[in-house]
Amino acid sequence: MGALAIREVKASTVLRVYKAIHIETPSTARNVKALISQICSYPVMNDLMVANPAREVKQVRQQSKSIYAPAPMELDVSCGIIRDYQHGSDHMGPRPGGWLTGALSARHGVSRGHHPGTLRR
């Protein structure tokens, strides 16, 4: 793209560069597109280009990431491991307080006295 004259830069060129970079690093692709847009804005202001080709390129939709939510049994096991660690004497160093299991339960929508996986009302 660097070998092209500014008038030769088209939306398809910007899109091709944007997609190639987006595969590896989406944030860098957005920054590069913004930089190309800034570069092309000067020729547009000076009537060397009719329109800014970078503004015609839309961002590629990112794939949604899957959300992991532990099953009630996994939550019970995790809380049990934390409780065993808190009350065990086979290790050195500080032991986390009871807030850790409470935070884990709150994070997953359960409270003390309720079985993990049930909704609080």
PDB file of N, CA and C in Angstrom:
ATOM      1  N   MET A   1       0.823  -1.184   0.000  1.00  0.00           N
ATOM      2  CA  MET A   1       0.000   0.000   0.000  1.00  0.00           C
ATOM      3  C   MET A   1       0.871   1.253   0.000  1.00  0.00           C
ATOM      4  N   GLY A   2       2.042   1.158   0.564  1.00  0.00           N
ATOM      5  CA  GLY A   2       2.936   2.307   0.625  1.00  0.00           C
ATOM      6  C   GLY A   2       3.446   2.738  -0.736  1.00  0.00           C
ATOM      7  N   ALA A   3       3.417   1.855  -1.728  1.00  0.00           N
ATOM      8  CA  ALA A   3       3.905   2.193  -3.062  1.00  0.00           C
ATOM      9  C   ALA A   3       2.851   2.909  -3.897  1.00  0.00           C
ATOM     10  N   LEU A   4       1.611   2.961  -3.412  1.00  0.00           N
ATOM     11  CA  LEU A   4       0.527   3.594  -4.163  1.00  0.00           C
ATOM     12  C   LEU A   4       0.544   5.107  -3.980  1.00  0.00           C
ATOM     13  N   ALA A   5       0.168   5.810  -5.030  1.00  0.00           N
ATOM     14  CA  ALA A   5      -0.054   7.244  -4.902  1.00  0.00           C
ATOM     15  C   ALA A   5      -1.341   7.443  -4.103  1.00  0.00           C
ATOM     16  N   ILE A   6      -1.446   8.573  -3.436  1.00  0.00           N
ATOM     17  CA  ILE A   6      -2.596   8.786  -2.558  1.00  0.00           C
ATOM     18  C   ILE A   6      -3.921   8.699  -3.317  1.00  0.00           C
ATOM     19  N   ARG A   7      -3.929   9.112  -4.569  1.00  0.00           N
ATOM     20  CA  ARG A   7      -5.155   9.039  -5.367  1.00  0.00           C
ATOM     21  C   ARG A   7      -5.519   7.613  -5.749  1.00  0.00           C
ATOM     22  N   GLU A   8      -4.563   6.707  -5.664  1.00  0.00           N
ATOM     23  CA  GLU A   8      -4.805   5.313  -6.032  1.00  0.00           C
ATOM     24  C   GLU A   8      -5.349   4.480  -4.874  1.00  0.00           C
ATOM     25  N   VAL A   9      -5.373   5.044  -3.692  1.00  0.00           N
ATOM     26  CA  VAL A   9      -5.876   4.312  -2.527  1.00  0.00           C
ATOM     27  C   VAL A   9      -7.401   4.259  -2.615  1.00  0.00           C
ATOM     28  N   LYS A  10      -7.937   3.065  -2.612  1.00  0.00           N
ATOM     29  CA  LYS A  10      -9.382   2.833  -2.712  1.00  0.00           C
ATOM     30  C   LYS A  10      -9.860   2.114  -1.445  1.00  0.00           C
ATOM     31  N   ALA A  11     -11.153   2.080  -1.285  1.00  0.00           N
ATOM     32  CA  ALA A  11     -11.728   1.395  -0.127  1.00  0.00           C
ATOM     33  C   ALA A  11     -11.349  -0.087  -0.119  1.00  0.00           C
ATOM     34  N   SER A  12     -11.281  -0.697  -1.288  1.00  0.00           N
ATOM     35  CA  SER A  12     -10.920  -2.116  -1.357  1.00  0.00           C
ATOM     36  C   SER A  12      -9.483  -2.342  -0.879  1.00  0.00           C
ATOM     37  N   THR A  13      -8.597  -1.396  -1.155  1.00  0.00           N
ATOM     38  CA  THR A  13      -7.209  -1.507  -0.693  1.00  0.00           C
ATOM     39  C   THR A  13      -7.158  -1.417   0.827  1.00  0.00           C
ATOM     40  N   VAL A  14      -7.867  -0.442   1.372  1.00  0.00           N
ATOM     41  CA  VAL A  14      -7.895  -0.269   2.830  1.00  0.00           C
ATOM     42  C   VAL A  14      -8.515  -1.502   3.483  1.00  0.00           C
ATOM     43  N   LEU A  15      -9.592  -2.023   2.899  1.00  0.00           N
ATOM     44  CA  LEU A  15     -10.251  -3.212   3.445  1.00  0.00           C
ATOM     45  C   LEU A  15      -9.322  -4.418   3.442  1.00  0.00           C
ATOM     46  N   ARG A  16      -8.573  -4.597   2.357  1.00  0.00           N
ATOM     47  CA  ARG A  16      -7.652  -5.730   2.265  1.00  0.00           C
ATOM     48  C   ARG A  16      -6.568  -5.644   3.351  1.00  0.00           C
ATOM     49  N   VAL A  17      -6.011  -4.452   3.564  1.00  0.00           N
ATOM     50  CA  VAL A  17      -4.995  -4.267   4.603  1.00  0.00           C
ATOM     51  C   VAL A  17      -5.611  -4.483   5.980  1.00  0.00           C
ATOM     52  N   TYR A  18      -6.796  -3.898   6.196  1.00  0.00           N
ATOM     53  CA  TYR A  18      -7.480  -4.008   7.484  1.00  0.00           C
ATOM     54  C   TYR A  18      -7.758  -5.466   7.844  1.00  0.00           C
ATOM     55  N   LYS A  19      -8.313  -6.227   6.905  1.00  0.00           N
ATOM     56  CA  LYS A  19      -8.634  -7.634   7.187  1.00  0.00           C
ATOM     57  C   LYS A  19      -7.394  -8.469   7.433  1.00  0.00           C
ATOM     58  N   ALA A  20      -6.310  -8.192   6.693  1.00  0.00           N
ATOM     59  CA  ALA A  20      -5.070  -8.950   6.880  1.00  0.00           C
ATOM     60  C   ALA A  20      -4.507  -8.742   8.283  1.00  0.00           C
ATOM     61  N   ILE A  21      -4.580  -7.518   8.785  1.00  0.00           N
ATOM     62  CA  ILE A  21      -4.059  -7.232  10.122  1.00  0.00           C
ATOM     63  C   ILE A  21      -5.035  -7.723  11.186  1.00  0.00           C
ATOM     64  N   HIS A  22      -6.335  -7.630  10.917  1.00  0.00           N
ATOM     65  CA  HIS A  22      -7.363  -7.999  11.890  1.00  0.00           C
ATOM     66  C   HIS A  22      -7.287  -9.470  12.287  1.00  0.00           C
ATOM     67  N   ILE A  23      -6.813 -10.308  11.396  1.00  0.00           N
ATOM     68  CA  ILE A  23      -6.711 -11.741  11.692  1.00  0.00           C
ATOM     69  C   ILE A  23      -5.813 -11.971  12.906  1.00  0.00           C
ATOM     70  N   GLU A  24      -4.700 -11.256  12.948  1.00  0.00           N
ATOM     71  CA  GLU A  24      -3.744 -11.439  14.048  1.00  0.00           C
ATOM     72  C   GLU A  24      -4.089 -10.576  15.271  1.00  0.00           C
ATOM     73  N   THR A  25      -4.287  -9.268  15.037  1.00  0.00           N
ATOM     74  CA  THR A  25      -4.520  -8.353  16.145  1.00  0.00           C
ATOM     75  C   THR A  25      -5.603  -7.342  15.779  1.00  0.00           C
ATOM     76  N   PRO A  26      -6.821  -7.545  16.252  1.00  0.00           N
ATOM     77  CA  PRO A  26      -7.926  -6.645  15.927  1.00  0.00           C
ATOM     78  C   PRO A  26      -7.693  -5.193  16.361  1.00  0.00           C
ATOM     79  N   SER A  27      -7.098  -4.998  17.520  1.00  0.00           N
ATOM     80  CA  SER A  27      -6.896  -3.627  17.987  1.00  0.00           C
ATOM     81  C   SER A  27      -5.902  -2.879  17.098  1.00  0.00           C
ATOM     82  N   THR A  28      -4.870  -3.558  16.645  1.00  0.00           N
ATOM     83  CA  THR A  28      -3.913  -2.932  15.737  1.00  0.00           C
ATOM     84  C   THR A  28      -4.587  -2.596  14.418  1.00  0.00           C
ATOM     85  N   ALA A  29      -5.470  -3.454  13.955  1.00  0.00           N
ATOM     86  CA  ALA A  29      -6.190  -3.195  12.705  1.00  0.00           C
ATOM     87  C   ALA A  29      -7.039  -1.933  12.830  1.00  0.00           C
ATOM     88  N   ARG A  30      -7.701  -1.757  13.963  1.00  0.00           N
ATOM     89  CA  ARG A  30      -8.501  -0.543  14.165  1.00  0.00           C
ATOM     90  C   ARG A  30      -7.607   0.696  14.179  1.00  0.00           C
ATOM     91  N   ASN A  31      -6.442   0.595  14.816  1.00  0.00           N
ATOM     92  CA  ASN A  31      -5.515   1.726  14.867  1.00  0.00           C
ATOM     93  C   ASN A  31      -4.965   2.064  13.483  1.00  0.00           C
ATOM     94  N   VAL A  32      -4.642   1.040  12.703  1.00  0.00           N
ATOM     95  CA  VAL A  32      -4.132   1.259  11.348  1.00  0.00           C
ATOM     96  C   VAL A  32      -5.203   1.911  10.478  1.00  0.00           C
ATOM     97  N   LYS A  33      -6.440   1.449  10.615  1.00  0.00           N
ATOM     98  CA  LYS A  33      -7.540   2.042   9.843  1.00  0.00           C
ATOM     99  C   LYS A  33      -7.720   3.506  10.216  1.00  0.00           C
ATOM    100  N   ALA A  34      -7.624   3.828  11.490  1.00  0.00           N
ATOM    101  CA  ALA A  34      -7.746   5.217  11.937  1.00  0.00           C
ATOM    102  C   ALA A  34      -6.610   6.064  11.378  1.00  0.00           C
ATOM    103  N   LEU A  35      -5.404   5.514  11.362  1.00  0.00           N
ATOM    104  CA  LEU A  35      -4.251   6.235  10.819  1.00  0.00           C
ATOM    105  C   LEU A  35      -4.416   6.486   9.319  1.00  0.00           C
ATOM    106  N   ILE A  36      -4.852   5.474   8.582  1.00  0.00           N
ATOM    107  CA  ILE A  36      -5.087   5.634   7.140  1.00  0.00           C
ATOM    108  C   ILE A  36      -6.168   6.685   6.904  1.00  0.00           C
ATOM    109  N   SER A  37      -7.188   6.694   7.744  1.00  0.00           N
ATOM    110  CA  SER A  37      -8.252   7.681   7.618  1.00  0.00           C
ATOM    111  C   SER A  37      -7.710   9.095   7.828  1.00  0.00           C
ATOM    112  N   GLN A  38      -6.842   9.248   8.817  1.00  0.00           N
ATOM    113  CA  GLN A  38      -6.237  10.556   9.071  1.00  0.00           C
ATOM    114  C   GLN A  38      -5.354  10.992   7.903  1.00  0.00           C
ATOM    115  N   ILE A  39      -4.583  10.063   7.370  1.00  0.00           N
ATOM    116  CA  ILE A  39      -3.713  10.374   6.240  1.00  0.00           C
ATOM    117  C   ILE A  39      -4.542  10.799   5.032  1.00  0.00           C
ATOM    118  N   CYS A  40      -5.633  10.085   4.795  1.00  0.00           N
ATOM    119  CA  CYS A  40      -6.473  10.391   3.629  1.00  0.00           C
ATOM    120  C   CYS A  40      -7.333  11.632   3.822  1.00  0.00           C
ATOM    121  N   SER A  41      -7.484  12.102   5.052  1.00  0.00           N
ATOM    122  CA  SER A  41      -8.323  13.282   5.267  1.00  0.00           C
ATOM    123  C   SER A  41      -7.682  14.549   4.696  1.00  0.00           C
ATOM    124  N   TYR A  42      -6.354  14.622   4.675  1.00  0.00           N
ATOM    125  CA  TYR A  42      -5.680  15.807   4.131  1.00  0.00           C
ATOM    126  C   TYR A  42      -5.911  15.981   2.634  1.00  0.00           C
ATOM    127  N   PRO A  43      -5.754  14.943   1.822  1.00  0.00           N
ATOM    128  CA  PRO A  43      -6.068  15.110   0.400  1.00  0.00           C
ATOM    129  C   PRO A  43      -7.543  15.442   0.146  1.00  0.00           C
ATOM    130  N   VAL A  44      -8.442  14.933   0.979  1.00  0.00           N
ATOM    131  CA  VAL A  44      -9.861  15.245   0.826  1.00  0.00           C
ATOM    132  C   VAL A  44     -10.092  16.734   1.103  1.00  0.00           C
ATOM    133  N   MET A  45      -9.461  17.248   2.165  1.00  0.00           N
ATOM    134  CA  MET A  45      -9.623  18.663   2.497  1.00  0.00           C
ATOM    135  C   MET A  45      -9.041  19.575   1.414  1.00  0.00           C
ATOM    136  N   ASN A  46      -8.013  19.111   0.720  1.00  0.00           N
ATOM    137  CA  ASN A  46      -7.354  19.909  -0.326  1.00  0.00           C
ATOM    138  C   ASN A  46      -7.866  19.560  -1.722  1.00  0.00           C
ATOM    139  N   ASP A  47      -8.991  18.895  -1.799  1.00  0.00           N
ATOM    140  CA  ASP A  47      -9.659  18.546  -3.061  1.00  0.00           C
ATOM    141  C   ASP A  47      -8.809  17.690  -3.994  1.00  0.00           C
ATOM    142  N   LEU A  48      -7.927  16.874  -3.425  1.00  0.00           N
ATOM    143  CA  LEU A  48      -7.161  15.931  -4.233  1.00  0.00           C
ATOM    144  C   LEU A  48      -7.869  14.579  -4.335  1.00  0.00           C
ATOM    145  N   MET A  49      -8.757  14.328  -3.380  1.00  0.00           N
ATOM    146  CA  MET A  49      -9.570  13.110  -3.374  1.00  0.00           C
ATOM    147  C   MET A  49     -11.019  13.526  -3.154  1.00  0.00           C
ATOM    148  N   VAL A  50     -11.936  12.762  -3.738  1.00  0.00           N
ATOM    149  CA  VAL A  50     -13.355  13.072  -3.589  1.00  0.00           C
ATOM    150  C   VAL A  50     -13.856  12.662  -2.209  1.00  0.00           C
ATOM    151  N   ALA A  51     -13.468  11.473  -1.750  1.00  0.00           N
ATOM    152  CA  ALA A  51     -13.945  10.951  -0.471  1.00  0.00           C
ATOM    153  C   ALA A  51     -12.817  10.189   0.213  1.00  0.00           C
ATOM    154  N   ASN A  52     -12.952  10.040   1.502  1.00  0.00           N
ATOM    155  CA  ASN A  52     -11.965   9.309   2.289  1.00  0.00           C
ATOM    156  C   ASN A  52     -12.276   7.809   2.188  1.00  0.00           C
ATOM    157  N   PRO A  53     -11.415   7.027   1.524  1.00  0.00           N
ATOM    158  CA  PRO A  53     -11.718   5.599   1.342  1.00  0.00           C
ATOM    159  C   PRO A  53     -11.742   4.812   2.645  1.00  0.00           C
ATOM    160  N   ALA A  54     -11.024   5.253   3.643  1.00  0.00           N
ATOM    161  CA  ALA A  54     -10.989   4.520   4.910  1.00  0.00           C
ATOM    162  C   ALA A  54     -12.319   4.611   5.638  1.00  0.00           C
ATOM    163  N   ARG A  55     -13.072   5.676   5.393  1.00  0.00           N
ATOM    164  CA  ARG A  55     -14.368   5.832   6.063  1.00  0.00           C
ATOM    165  C   ARG A  55     -15.430   4.923   5.481  1.00  0.00           C
ATOM    166  N   GLU A  56     -15.185   4.398   4.312  1.00  0.00           N
ATOM    167  CA  GLU A  56     -16.138   3.475   3.689  1.00  0.00           C
ATOM    168  C   GLU A  56     -15.978   2.054   4.210  1.00  0.00           C
ATOM    169  N   VAL A  57     -14.872   1.787   4.881  1.00  0.00           N
ATOM    170  CA  VAL A  57     -14.584   0.442   5.391  1.00  0.00           C
ATOM    171  C   VAL A  57     -15.186   0.302   6.779  1.00  0.00           C
ATOM    172  N   LYS A  58     -16.054  -0.665   6.941  1.00  0.00           N
ATOM    173  CA  LYS A  58     -16.681  -0.931   8.231  1.00  0.00           C
ATOM    174  C   LYS A  58     -15.823  -1.909   9.014  1.00  0.00           C
ATOM    175  N   GLN A  59     -15.939  -1.844  10.331  1.00  0.00           N
ATOM    176  CA  GLN A  59     -15.174  -2.752  11.168  1.00  0.00           C
ATOM    177  C   GLN A  59     -15.692  -4.173  11.014  1.00  0.00           C
ATOM    178  N   VAL A  60     -14.772  -5.114  11.073  1.00  0.00           N
ATOM    179  CA  VAL A  60     -15.125  -6.527  11.013  1.00  0.00           C
ATOM    180  C   VAL A  60     -15.748  -6.906  12.353  1.00  0.00           C
ATOM    181  N   ARG A  61     -16.848  -7.606  12.303  1.00  0.00           N
ATOM    182  CA  ARG A  61     -17.490  -8.045  13.543  1.00  0.00           C
ATOM    183  C   ARG A  61     -16.626  -9.098  14.219  1.00  0.00           C
ATOM    184  N   GLN A  62     -16.444  -8.908  15.512  1.00  0.00           N
ATOM    185  CA  GLN A  62     -15.685  -9.887  16.265  1.00  0.00           C
ATOM    186  C   GLN A  62     -16.597 -11.029  16.675  1.00  0.00           C
ATOM    187  N   GLN A  63     -16.024 -12.214  16.689  1.00  0.00           N
ATOM    188  CA  GLN A  63     -16.803 -13.371  17.108  1.00  0.00           C
ATOM    189  C   GLN A  63     -17.007 -13.293  18.618  1.00  0.00           C
ATOM    190  N   SER A  64     -18.210 -13.606  19.037  1.00  0.00           N
ATOM    191  CA  SER A  64     -18.469 -13.569  20.467  1.00  0.00           C
ATOM    192  C   SER A  64     -17.747 -14.725  21.146  1.00  0.00           C
ATOM    193  N   LYS A  65     -17.231 -14.428  22.313  1.00  0.00           N
ATOM    194  CA  LYS A  65     -16.503 -15.449  23.065  1.00  0.00           C
ATOM    195  C   LYS A  65     -17.489 -16.265  23.873  1.00  0.00           C
ATOM    196  N   SER A  66     -17.219 -17.542  23.985  1.00  0.00           N
ATOM    197  CA  SER A  66     -18.107 -18.395  24.768  1.00  0.00           C
ATOM    198  C   SER A  66     -17.927 -18.083  26.257  1.00  0.00           C
ATOM    199  N   ILE A  67     -19.011 -18.180  26.985  1.00  0.00           N
ATOM    200  CA  ILE A  67     -18.992 -17.889  28.414  1.00  0.00           C
ATOM    201  C   ILE A  67     -19.015 -19.209  29.167  1.00  0.00           C
ATOM    202  N   TYR A  68     -18.095 -19.355  30.103  1.00  0.00           N
ATOM    203  CA  TYR A  68     -18.031 -20.566  30.905  1.00  0.00           C
ATOM    204  C   TYR A  68     -18.696 -20.299  32.247  1.00  0.00           C
ATOM    205  N   ALA A  69     -19.636 -21.108  32.586  1.00  0.00           N
ATOM    206  CA  ALA A  69     -20.270 -21.046  33.904  1.00  0.00           C
ATOM    207  C   ALA A  69     -20.164 -22.435  34.515  1.00  0.00           C
ATOM    208  N   PRO A  70     -19.552 -22.539  35.682  1.00  0.00           N
ATOM    209  CA  PRO A  70     -19.393 -23.861  36.284  1.00  0.00           C
ATOM    210  C   PRO A  70     -20.734 -24.465  36.691  1.00  0.00           C
ATOM    211  N   ALA A  71     -20.787 -25.760  36.607  1.00  0.00           N
ATOM    212  CA  ALA A  71     -21.975 -26.490  37.049  1.00  0.00           C
ATOM    213  C   ALA A  71     -22.034 -26.410  38.582  1.00  0.00           C
ATOM    214  N   PRO A  72     -23.207 -26.610  39.169  1.00  0.00           N
ATOM    215  CA  PRO A  72     -23.320 -26.551  40.631  1.00  0.00           C
ATOM    216  C   PRO A  72     -22.328 -27.475  41.334  1.00  0.00           C
ATOM    217  N   MET A  73     -22.083 -28.643  40.756  1.00  0.00           N
ATOM    218  CA  MET A  73     -21.144 -29.578  41.380  1.00  0.00           C
ATOM    219  C   MET A  73     -19.727 -29.006  41.372  1.00  0.00           C
ATOM    220  N   GLU A  74     -19.335 -28.376  40.261  1.00  0.00           N
ATOM    221  CA  GLU A  74     -18.004 -27.774  40.179  1.00  0.00           C
ATOM    222  C   GLU A  74     -17.852 -26.637  41.177  1.00  0.00           C
ATOM    223  N   LEU A  75     -18.918 -25.865  41.380  1.00  0.00           N
ATOM    224  CA  LEU A  75     -18.883 -24.772  42.348  1.00  0.00           C
ATOM    225  C   LEU A  75     -18.733 -25.317  43.764  1.00  0.00           C
ATOM    226  N   ASP A  76     -19.440 -26.404  44.075  1.00  0.00           N
ATOM    227  CA  ASP A  76     -19.302 -27.051  45.385  1.00  0.00           C
ATOM    228  C   ASP A  76     -17.873 -27.526  45.603  1.00  0.00           C
ATOM    229  N   VAL A  77     -17.285 -28.123  44.580  1.00  0.00           N
ATOM    230  CA  VAL A  77     -15.913 -28.632  44.685  1.00  0.00           C
ATOM    231  C   VAL A  77     -14.940 -27.477  44.902  1.00  0.00           C
ATOM    232  N   SER A  78     -15.118 -26.388  44.148  1.00  0.00           N
ATOM    233  CA  SER A  78     -14.234 -25.231  44.292  1.00  0.00           C
ATOM    234  C   SER A  78     -14.325 -24.637  45.685  1.00  0.00           C
ATOM    235  N   CYS A  79     -15.537 -24.462  46.188  1.00  0.00           N
ATOM    236  CA  CYS A  79     -15.711 -23.918  47.537  1.00  0.00           C
ATOM    237  C   CYS A  79     -15.127 -24.867  48.586  1.00  0.00           C
ATOM    238  N   GLY A  80     -15.262 -26.165  48.363  1.00  0.00           N
ATOM    239  CA  GLY A  80     -14.688 -27.152  49.287  1.00  0.00           C
ATOM    240  C   GLY A  80     -13.176 -27.085  49.317  1.00  0.00           C
ATOM    241  N   ILE A  81     -12.557 -26.912  48.176  1.00  0.00           N
ATOM    242  CA  ILE A  81     -11.094 -26.799  48.113  1.00  0.00           C
ATOM    243  C   ILE A  81     -10.633 -25.551  48.858  1.00  0.00           C
ATOM    244  N   ILE A  82     -11.357 -24.463  48.684  1.00  0.00           N
ATOM    245  CA  ILE A  82     -11.002 -23.223  49.373  1.00  0.00           C
ATOM    246  C   ILE A  82     -11.147 -23.398  50.882  1.00  0.00           C
ATOM    247  N   ARG A  83     -12.261 -24.016  51.331  1.00  0.00           N
ATOM    248  CA  ARG A  83     -12.461 -24.229  52.759  1.00  0.00           C
ATOM    249  C   ARG A  83     -11.378 -25.131  53.350  1.00  0.00           C
ATOM    250  N   ASP A  84     -11.020 -26.192  52.629  1.00  0.00           N
ATOM    251  CA  ASP A  84      -9.954 -27.085  53.106  1.00  0.00           C
ATOM    252  C   ASP A  84      -8.641 -26.337  53.244  1.00  0.00           C
ATOM    253  N   TYR A  85      -8.357 -25.464  52.295  1.00  0.00           N
ATOM    254  CA  TYR A  85      -7.122 -24.693  52.333  1.00  0.00           C
ATOM    255  C   TYR A  85      -7.141 -23.725  53.519  1.00  0.00           C
ATOM    256  N   GLN A  86      -8.302 -23.119  53.774  1.00  0.00           N
ATOM    257  CA  GLN A  86      -8.404 -22.154  54.864  1.00  0.00           C
ATOM    258  C   GLN A  86      -8.186 -22.809  56.224  1.00  0.00           C
ATOM    259  N   HIS A  87      -8.655 -24.027  56.377  1.00  0.00           N
ATOM    260  CA  HIS A  87      -8.592 -24.684  57.683  1.00  0.00           C
ATOM    261  C   HIS A  87      -7.442 -25.678  57.794  1.00  0.00           C
ATOM    262  N   GLY A  88      -6.685 -25.879  56.763  1.00  0.00           N
ATOM    263  CA  GLY A  88      -5.587 -26.836  56.797  1.00  0.00           C
ATOM    264  C   GLY A  88      -4.365 -26.276  57.503  1.00  0.00           C
ATOM    265  N   SER A  89      -3.533 -27.180  57.987  1.00  0.00           N
ATOM    266  CA  SER A  89      -2.312 -26.749  58.677  1.00  0.00           C
ATOM    267  C   SER A  89      -1.066 -27.262  57.956  1.00  0.00           C
ATOM    268  N   ASP A  90      -1.234 -27.791  56.766  1.00  0.00           N
ATOM    269  CA  ASP A  90      -0.102 -28.381  56.046  1.00  0.00           C
ATOM    270  C   ASP A  90       0.591 -27.387  55.123  1.00  0.00           C
ATOM    271  N   HIS A  91       0.331 -26.116  55.266  1.00  0.00           N
ATOM    272  CA  HIS A  91       0.976 -25.135  54.404  1.00  0.00           C
ATOM    273  C   HIS A  91       1.350 -23.900  55.216  1.00  0.00           C
ATOM    274  N   MET A  92       2.262 -23.149  54.660  1.00  0.00           N
ATOM    275  CA  MET A  92       2.687 -21.921  55.322  1.00  0.00           C
ATOM    276  C   MET A  92       2.135 -20.730  54.547  1.00  0.00           C
ATOM    277  N   GLY A  93       2.098 -19.608  55.194  1.00  0.00           N
ATOM    278  CA  GLY A  93       1.648 -18.397  54.526  1.00  0.00           C
ATOM    279  C   GLY A  93       0.260 -18.009  54.955  1.00  0.00           C
ATOM    280  N   PRO A  94      -0.171 -16.865  54.507  1.00  0.00           N
ATOM    281  CA  PRO A  94      -1.496 -16.379  54.917  1.00  0.00           C
ATOM    282  C   PRO A  94      -2.614 -17.216  54.318  1.00  0.00           C
ATOM    283  N   ARG A  95      -3.680 -17.333  55.080  1.00  0.00           N
ATOM    284  CA  ARG A  95      -4.858 -18.046  54.595  1.00  0.00           C
ATOM    285  C   ARG A  95      -5.926 -17.011  54.256  1.00  0.00           C
ATOM    286  N   PRO A  96      -6.588 -17.178  53.122  1.00  0.00           N
ATOM    287  CA  PRO A  96      -7.653 -16.229  52.794  1.00  0.00           C
ATOM    288  C   PRO A  96      -8.809 -16.350  53.775  1.00  0.00           C
ATOM    289  N   GLY A  97      -9.482 -15.243  54.021  1.00  0.00           N
ATOM    290  CA  GLY A  97     -10.622 -15.242  54.929  1.00  0.00           C
ATOM    291  C   GLY A  97     -11.833 -15.874  54.267  1.00  0.00           C
ATOM    292  N   GLY A  98     -12.949 -15.848  54.973  1.00  0.00           N
ATOM    293  CA  GLY A  98     -14.172 -16.439  54.464  1.00  0.00           C
ATOM    294  C   GLY A  98     -14.774 -15.688  53.289  1.00  0.00           C
ATOM    295  N   TRP A  99     -14.257 -14.509  53.027  1.00  0.00           N
ATOM    296  CA  TRP A  99     -14.792 -13.702  51.929  1.00  0.00           C
ATOM    297  C   TRP A  99     -14.574 -14.366  50.578  1.00  0.00           C
ATOM    298  N   LEU A 100     -13.562 -15.235  50.467  1.00  0.00           N
ATOM    299  CA  LEU A 100     -13.240 -15.832  49.174  1.00  0.00           C
ATOM    300  C   LEU A 100     -14.358 -16.752  48.686  1.00  0.00           C
ATOM    301  N   THR A 101     -14.838 -17.627  49.559  1.00  0.00           N
ATOM    302  CA  THR A 101     -15.942 -18.502  49.136  1.00  0.00           C
ATOM    303  C   THR A 101     -17.211 -17.695  48.932  1.00  0.00           C
ATOM    304  N   GLY A 102     -17.406 -16.655  49.751  1.00  0.00           N
ATOM    305  CA  GLY A 102     -18.568 -15.788  49.579  1.00  0.00           C
ATOM    306  C   GLY A 102     -18.521 -15.063  48.239  1.00  0.00           C
ATOM    307  N   ALA A 103     -17.335 -14.587  47.875  1.00  0.00           N
ATOM    308  CA  ALA A 103     -17.186 -13.889  46.593  1.00  0.00           C
ATOM    309  C   ALA A 103     -17.420 -14.843  45.429  1.00  0.00           C
ATOM    310  N   LEU A 104     -16.920 -16.056  45.552  1.00  0.00           N
ATOM    311  CA  LEU A 104     -17.112 -17.051  44.495  1.00  0.00           C
ATOM    312  C   LEU A 104     -18.592 -17.383  44.356  1.00  0.00           C
ATOM    313  N   SER A 105     -19.272 -17.536  45.481  1.00  0.00           N
ATOM    314  CA  SER A 105     -20.701 -17.830  45.432  1.00  0.00           C
ATOM    315  C   SER A 105     -21.489 -16.651  44.879  1.00  0.00           C
ATOM    316  N   ALA A 106     -21.140 -15.443  45.308  1.00  0.00           N
ATOM    317  CA  ALA A 106     -21.838 -14.249  44.820  1.00  0.00           C
ATOM    318  C   ALA A 106     -21.610 -14.075  43.322  1.00  0.00           C
ATOM    319  N   ARG A 107     -20.419 -14.399  42.882  1.00  0.00           N
ATOM    320  CA  ARG A 107     -20.099 -14.275  41.455  1.00  0.00           C
ATOM    321  C   ARG A 107     -20.997 -15.174  40.624  1.00  0.00           C
ATOM    322  N   HIS A 108     -21.403 -16.286  41.205  1.00  0.00           N
ATOM    323  CA  HIS A 108     -22.217 -17.247  40.463  1.00  0.00           C
ATOM    324  C   HIS A 108     -23.683 -17.220  40.892  1.00  0.00           C
ATOM    325  N   GLY A 109     -24.075 -16.167  41.605  1.00  0.00           N
ATOM    326  CA  GLY A 109     -25.492 -15.950  41.882  1.00  0.00           C
ATOM    327  C   GLY A 109     -26.086 -16.801  42.988  1.00  0.00           C
ATOM    328  N   VAL A 110     -25.293 -17.223  43.929  1.00  0.00           N
ATOM    329  CA  VAL A 110     -25.825 -17.996  45.053  1.00  0.00           C
ATOM    330  C   VAL A 110     -25.421 -17.309  46.343  1.00  0.00           C
ATOM    331  N   SER A 111     -26.119 -17.592  47.404  1.00  0.00           N
ATOM    332  CA  SER A 111     -25.760 -17.023  48.697  1.00  0.00           C
ATOM    333  C   SER A 111     -25.698 -18.147  49.719  1.00  0.00           C
ATOM    334  N   ARG A 112     -25.214 -17.813  50.895  1.00  0.00           N
ATOM    335  CA  ARG A 112     -25.113 -18.834  51.941  1.00  0.00           C
ATOM    336  C   ARG A 112     -26.496 -19.371  52.257  1.00  0.00           C
ATOM    337  N   GLY A 113     -26.577 -20.644  52.413  1.00  0.00           N
ATOM    338  CA  GLY A 113     -27.852 -21.273  52.712  1.00  0.00           C
ATOM    339  C   GLY A 113     -28.598 -21.735  51.472  1.00  0.00           C
ATOM    340  N   HIS A 114     -28.142 -21.311  50.312  1.00  0.00           N
ATOM    341  CA  HIS A 114     -28.765 -21.742  49.070  1.00  0.00           C
ATOM    342  C   HIS A 114     -27.814 -22.666  48.345  1.00  0.00           C
ATOM    343  N   HIS A 115     -28.376 -23.633  47.709  1.00  0.00           N
ATOM    344  CA  HIS A 115     -27.554 -24.556  46.949  1.00  0.00           C
ATOM    345  C   HIS A 115     -27.072 -23.869  45.673  1.00  0.00           C
ATOM    346  N   PRO A 116     -25.793 -24.044  45.314  1.00  0.00           N
ATOM    347  CA  PRO A 116     -25.312 -23.447  44.065  1.00  0.00           C
ATOM    348  C   PRO A 116     -26.179 -23.885  42.886  1.00  0.00           C
ATOM    349  N   GLY A 117     -26.469 -22.968  42.050  1.00  0.00           N
ATOM    350  CA  GLY A 117     -27.289 -23.277  40.889  1.00  0.00           C
ATOM    351  C   GLY A 117     -28.734 -22.856  41.064  1.00  0.00           C
ATOM    352  N   THR A 118     -29.137 -22.547  42.304  1.00  0.00           N
ATOM    353  CA  THR A 118     -30.495 -22.076  42.517  1.00  0.00           C
ATOM    354  C   THR A 118     -30.490 -20.550  42.488  1.00  0.00           C
ATOM    355  N   LEU A 119     -31.571 -19.994  42.055  1.00  0.00           N
ATOM    356  CA  LEU A 119     -31.655 -18.542  41.937  1.00  0.00           C
ATOM    357  C   LEU A 119     -32.012 -17.922  43.288  1.00  0.00           C
ATOM    358  N   ARG A 120     -31.407 -16.763  43.560  1.00  0.00           N
ATOM    359  CA  ARG A 120     -31.769 -15.993  44.748  1.00  0.00           C
ATOM    360  C   ARG A 120     -32.966 -15.133  44.424  1.00  0.00           C
ATOM    361  N   ARG A 121     -33.810 -14.920  45.382  1.00  0.00           N
ATOM    362  CA  ARG A 121     -34.957 -14.033  45.163  1.00  0.00           C
ATOM    363  C   ARG A 121     -34.947 -12.946  46.180  1.00  0.00           C
TER     364      ARG A 121
END
